Each structure stands twice: as C-alpha cells, then as structure tokens.
N, C-alpha and C. Protein backbone atom coordinates (compact mmCIF):
# COMPACT_ATOMS: atom_id res chain seq x y z
N UNK A 1 10.42 16.07 23.21
CA UNK A 1 10.43 14.69 23.63
C UNK A 1 10.30 13.74 22.44
N UNK A 2 9.36 14.07 21.56
CA UNK A 2 9.18 13.23 20.38
C UNK A 2 10.43 13.25 19.51
N UNK A 3 11.00 14.40 19.38
CA UNK A 3 12.19 14.52 18.55
C UNK A 3 13.34 13.70 19.15
N UNK A 4 13.49 13.75 20.45
CA UNK A 4 14.52 12.98 21.14
C UNK A 4 14.30 11.48 20.92
N UNK A 5 13.05 11.07 21.01
CA UNK A 5 12.69 9.67 20.81
C UNK A 5 13.00 9.24 19.37
N UNK A 6 12.68 10.12 18.42
CA UNK A 6 12.96 9.82 17.01
C UNK A 6 14.45 9.68 16.78
N UNK A 7 15.23 10.59 17.37
CA UNK A 7 16.69 10.53 17.22
C UNK A 7 17.24 9.24 17.84
N UNK A 8 16.76 8.88 19.00
CA UNK A 8 17.21 7.65 19.64
C UNK A 8 16.83 6.41 18.83
N UNK A 9 15.64 6.43 18.27
CA UNK A 9 15.18 5.31 17.44
C UNK A 9 16.05 5.17 16.20
N UNK A 10 16.32 6.28 15.53
CA UNK A 10 17.18 6.26 14.34
C UNK A 10 18.58 5.82 14.73
N UNK A 11 19.08 6.32 15.83
CA UNK A 11 20.42 5.95 16.29
C UNK A 11 20.50 4.46 16.59
N UNK A 12 19.42 3.87 17.05
CA UNK A 12 19.41 2.44 17.35
C UNK A 12 19.29 1.61 16.08
N UNK A 13 18.56 2.10 15.09
CA UNK A 13 18.32 1.32 13.86
C UNK A 13 19.50 1.35 12.90
N UNK A 14 20.24 2.42 12.86
CA UNK A 14 21.36 2.54 11.91
C UNK A 14 22.40 1.43 12.13
N UNK A 15 22.89 1.20 13.34
CA UNK A 15 23.86 0.11 13.52
C UNK A 15 23.26 -1.27 13.20
N UNK A 16 21.97 -1.44 13.46
CA UNK A 16 21.35 -2.72 13.16
C UNK A 16 21.32 -2.97 11.66
N UNK A 17 21.04 -1.93 10.87
CA UNK A 17 21.02 -2.11 9.42
C UNK A 17 22.42 -2.42 8.91
N UNK A 18 23.43 -1.83 9.55
CA UNK A 18 24.81 -2.14 9.18
C UNK A 18 25.16 -3.57 9.51
N UNK A 19 24.68 -4.05 10.64
CA UNK A 19 24.94 -5.44 11.04
C UNK A 19 24.25 -6.40 10.09
N UNK A 20 23.05 -6.05 9.66
CA UNK A 20 22.34 -6.89 8.69
C UNK A 20 23.09 -6.93 7.38
N UNK A 21 23.57 -5.78 6.93
CA UNK A 21 24.33 -5.72 5.69
C UNK A 21 25.61 -6.53 5.82
N UNK A 22 26.27 -6.45 6.95
CA UNK A 22 27.49 -7.20 7.18
C UNK A 22 27.18 -8.70 7.21
N UNK A 23 26.08 -9.05 7.85
CA UNK A 23 25.68 -10.45 7.90
C UNK A 23 25.39 -10.99 6.52
N UNK A 24 24.77 -10.18 5.66
CA UNK A 24 24.48 -10.59 4.29
C UNK A 24 25.79 -10.80 3.52
N UNK A 25 26.75 -9.92 3.74
CA UNK A 25 28.05 -10.05 3.07
C UNK A 25 28.74 -11.34 3.50
N UNK A 26 28.66 -11.65 4.77
CA UNK A 26 29.27 -12.89 5.27
C UNK A 26 28.56 -14.09 4.67
N UNK A 27 27.23 -14.02 4.63
CA UNK A 27 26.45 -15.12 4.06
C UNK A 27 26.80 -15.33 2.58
N UNK A 28 26.92 -14.23 1.84
CA UNK A 28 27.29 -14.33 0.42
C UNK A 28 28.68 -14.94 0.26
N UNK A 29 29.59 -14.53 1.11
CA UNK A 29 30.96 -15.05 1.03
C UNK A 29 31.01 -16.55 1.35
N UNK A 30 30.27 -16.94 2.36
CA UNK A 30 30.21 -18.37 2.73
C UNK A 30 29.59 -19.17 1.58
N UNK A 31 28.53 -18.63 0.99
CA UNK A 31 27.88 -19.33 -0.13
C UNK A 31 28.85 -19.50 -1.29
N UNK A 32 29.62 -18.45 -1.60
CA UNK A 32 30.61 -18.53 -2.68
C UNK A 32 31.65 -19.60 -2.37
N UNK A 33 32.10 -19.65 -1.14
CA UNK A 33 33.12 -20.64 -0.75
C UNK A 33 32.55 -22.05 -0.85
N UNK A 34 31.31 -22.23 -0.41
CA UNK A 34 30.67 -23.55 -0.50
C UNK A 34 30.52 -23.95 -1.97
N UNK A 35 30.07 -23.03 -2.81
CA UNK A 35 29.93 -23.32 -4.23
C UNK A 35 31.27 -23.70 -4.86
N UNK A 36 32.31 -23.00 -4.44
CA UNK A 36 33.66 -23.28 -4.95
C UNK A 36 34.11 -24.69 -4.55
N UNK A 37 33.87 -25.04 -3.29
CA UNK A 37 34.27 -26.37 -2.81
C UNK A 37 33.45 -27.47 -3.49
N UNK A 38 32.17 -27.21 -3.71
CA UNK A 38 31.31 -28.19 -4.39
C UNK A 38 31.83 -28.40 -5.81
N UNK A 39 32.18 -27.33 -6.50
CA UNK A 39 32.70 -27.44 -7.86
C UNK A 39 34.01 -28.23 -7.89
N UNK A 40 34.87 -27.97 -6.90
CA UNK A 40 36.13 -28.72 -6.81
C UNK A 40 35.84 -30.21 -6.65
N UNK A 41 34.86 -30.52 -5.79
CA UNK A 41 34.48 -31.92 -5.58
C UNK A 41 33.96 -32.55 -6.85
N UNK A 42 33.12 -31.83 -7.59
CA UNK A 42 32.58 -32.34 -8.85
C UNK A 42 33.70 -32.58 -9.85
N UNK A 43 34.64 -31.63 -9.93
CA UNK A 43 35.77 -31.77 -10.86
C UNK A 43 36.60 -33.00 -10.51
N UNK A 44 36.82 -33.21 -9.21
CA UNK A 44 37.60 -34.37 -8.77
C UNK A 44 36.89 -35.68 -9.12
N UNK A 45 35.58 -35.71 -8.90
CA UNK A 45 34.79 -36.90 -9.23
C UNK A 45 34.84 -37.17 -10.72
N UNK A 46 34.67 -36.13 -11.53
CA UNK A 46 34.72 -36.31 -12.99
C UNK A 46 36.09 -36.81 -13.44
N UNK A 47 37.13 -36.29 -12.83
CA UNK A 47 38.49 -36.72 -13.17
C UNK A 47 38.68 -38.21 -12.85
N UNK A 48 38.20 -38.62 -11.67
CA UNK A 48 38.31 -40.03 -11.28
C UNK A 48 37.47 -40.93 -12.19
N UNK A 49 36.30 -40.44 -12.59
CA UNK A 49 35.46 -41.22 -13.51
C UNK A 49 36.14 -41.41 -14.85
N UNK A 50 36.74 -40.35 -15.37
CA UNK A 50 37.46 -40.45 -16.64
C UNK A 50 38.63 -41.42 -16.52
N UNK A 51 39.34 -41.33 -15.41
CA UNK A 51 40.48 -42.21 -15.17
C UNK A 51 40.01 -43.67 -15.14
N UNK A 52 38.91 -43.93 -14.42
CA UNK A 52 38.37 -45.29 -14.34
C UNK A 52 37.89 -45.78 -15.68
N UNK A 53 37.26 -44.90 -16.46
CA UNK A 53 36.76 -45.29 -17.77
C UNK A 53 37.91 -45.66 -18.69
N UNK A 54 39.00 -44.88 -18.66
CA UNK A 54 40.16 -45.19 -19.49
C UNK A 54 40.76 -46.54 -19.10
N UNK A 55 40.81 -46.79 -17.79
CA UNK A 55 41.34 -48.06 -17.31
C UNK A 55 40.47 -49.22 -17.79
N UNK A 56 39.15 -49.06 -17.70
CA UNK A 56 38.24 -50.10 -18.16
C UNK A 56 38.39 -50.35 -19.67
N UNK A 57 38.51 -49.27 -20.43
CA UNK A 57 38.69 -49.41 -21.87
C UNK A 57 39.99 -50.14 -22.19
N UNK A 58 41.03 -49.84 -21.45
CA UNK A 58 42.32 -50.50 -21.66
C UNK A 58 42.21 -51.99 -21.36
N UNK A 59 41.57 -52.32 -20.23
CA UNK A 59 41.38 -53.72 -19.86
C UNK A 59 40.50 -54.44 -20.88
N UNK A 60 39.46 -53.76 -21.35
CA UNK A 60 38.58 -54.36 -22.36
C UNK A 60 39.36 -54.65 -23.64
N UNK A 61 40.26 -53.76 -24.00
CA UNK A 61 41.11 -53.98 -25.18
C UNK A 61 42.00 -55.20 -25.00
N UNK A 62 42.55 -55.37 -23.81
CA UNK A 62 43.39 -56.55 -23.54
C UNK A 62 42.58 -57.83 -23.65
N UNK A 63 41.40 -57.82 -23.05
CA UNK A 63 40.53 -59.01 -23.09
C UNK A 63 40.13 -59.31 -24.53
N UNK A 64 39.76 -58.28 -25.27
CA UNK A 64 39.37 -58.47 -26.68
C UNK A 64 40.52 -59.10 -27.47
N UNK A 65 41.73 -58.63 -27.22
CA UNK A 65 42.90 -59.17 -27.92
C UNK A 65 43.11 -60.63 -27.55
N UNK A 66 42.95 -60.97 -26.27
CA UNK A 66 43.10 -62.36 -25.84
C UNK A 66 42.04 -63.25 -26.49
N UNK A 67 40.82 -62.74 -26.56
CA UNK A 67 39.73 -63.52 -27.19
C UNK A 67 40.03 -63.73 -28.67
N UNK A 68 40.50 -62.70 -29.34
CA UNK A 68 40.83 -62.83 -30.76
C UNK A 68 41.96 -63.83 -30.97
N UNK A 69 42.98 -63.78 -30.10
CA UNK A 69 44.08 -64.73 -30.21
C UNK A 69 43.60 -66.16 -29.94
N UNK A 70 42.71 -66.32 -28.94
CA UNK A 70 42.16 -67.64 -28.64
C UNK A 70 41.33 -68.15 -29.80
N UNK A 71 40.55 -67.30 -30.42
CA UNK A 71 39.74 -67.71 -31.57
C UNK A 71 40.64 -68.07 -32.75
N UNK A 72 41.70 -67.33 -32.93
CA UNK A 72 42.65 -67.60 -34.02
C UNK A 72 43.33 -68.95 -33.80
N UNK A 73 43.76 -69.22 -32.56
CA UNK A 73 44.39 -70.50 -32.23
C UNK A 73 43.41 -71.65 -32.43
N UNK A 74 42.16 -71.46 -32.01
CA UNK A 74 41.14 -72.50 -32.16
C UNK A 74 40.89 -72.77 -33.63
N UNK A 75 40.85 -71.73 -34.44
CA UNK A 75 40.64 -71.89 -35.88
C UNK A 75 41.80 -72.67 -36.50
N UNK A 76 43.03 -72.33 -36.10
CA UNK A 76 44.20 -73.04 -36.63
C UNK A 76 44.15 -74.52 -36.26
N UNK A 77 43.79 -74.81 -35.00
CA UNK A 77 43.71 -76.20 -34.57
C UNK A 77 42.61 -76.94 -35.33
N UNK A 78 41.49 -76.26 -35.55
CA UNK A 78 40.39 -76.90 -36.29
C UNK A 78 40.81 -77.17 -37.72
N UNK A 79 41.52 -76.24 -38.33
CA UNK A 79 41.99 -76.44 -39.71
C UNK A 79 43.03 -77.56 -39.76
N UNK A 80 43.87 -77.60 -38.74
CA UNK A 80 44.90 -78.64 -38.69
C UNK A 80 44.26 -80.01 -38.56
N UNK A 81 43.24 -80.15 -37.68
CA UNK A 81 42.54 -81.41 -37.52
C UNK A 81 41.79 -81.78 -38.80
N UNK A 82 41.18 -80.81 -39.41
CA UNK A 82 40.43 -81.05 -40.63
C UNK A 82 41.36 -81.47 -41.76
N UNK A 83 42.53 -80.91 -41.81
CA UNK A 83 43.51 -81.24 -42.84
C UNK A 83 44.10 -82.61 -42.62
N UNK A 84 44.36 -82.97 -41.36
CA UNK A 84 44.97 -84.28 -41.08
C UNK A 84 43.93 -85.39 -41.09
N UNK A 85 42.68 -85.06 -40.96
CA UNK A 85 41.61 -86.06 -40.96
C UNK A 85 41.24 -86.53 -42.33
N UNK A 86 41.65 -85.88 -43.37
CA UNK A 86 41.28 -86.27 -44.74
C UNK A 86 42.16 -87.30 -45.28
C-alpha cells in the first residue's frame, strides 16, 4: 500500500515539475521579449533626441548668423553716421 501511494505521489509530482519548468521557460521568453521591446523604445527615443538636437543646433546657427549680420549692419550704419557727422 505504501509503495503504491509512493508511486502515485511520484507520478503526480513529475508532470507538475515539468509544468513548472515550462512555465519558467515561458516567463524567461516573455522577459526577453519585453527587454527587447524596451531597448527598441530607448533606441527610438535616443534617435529622436539626436534628431531634435541637430535641428536645434541648425536653427541656433541660423539665428547666430542673423545676429552677426544685424550687428555688422548696425556697425556700418554707426560708422557711416560718425563719418558724415564730422
């Protein structure tokens, strides 16, 4: 009787351990997929940030050039007024 009970208990536990192992494999696979998707999201965000930074730098260069041209024009006008005022 005891032997029969032991065999039945082992027979019941073996499939459960397989199910646990299978569940762990599924969990590991899901975790890997989530990590992969998170990394893709991070890469996309970094790419957009770089793109935005380049755009800002380009716009800043345009503004700087306009300011320099405005300062140059103002200097010329000031020199012209100073020259004609003498």
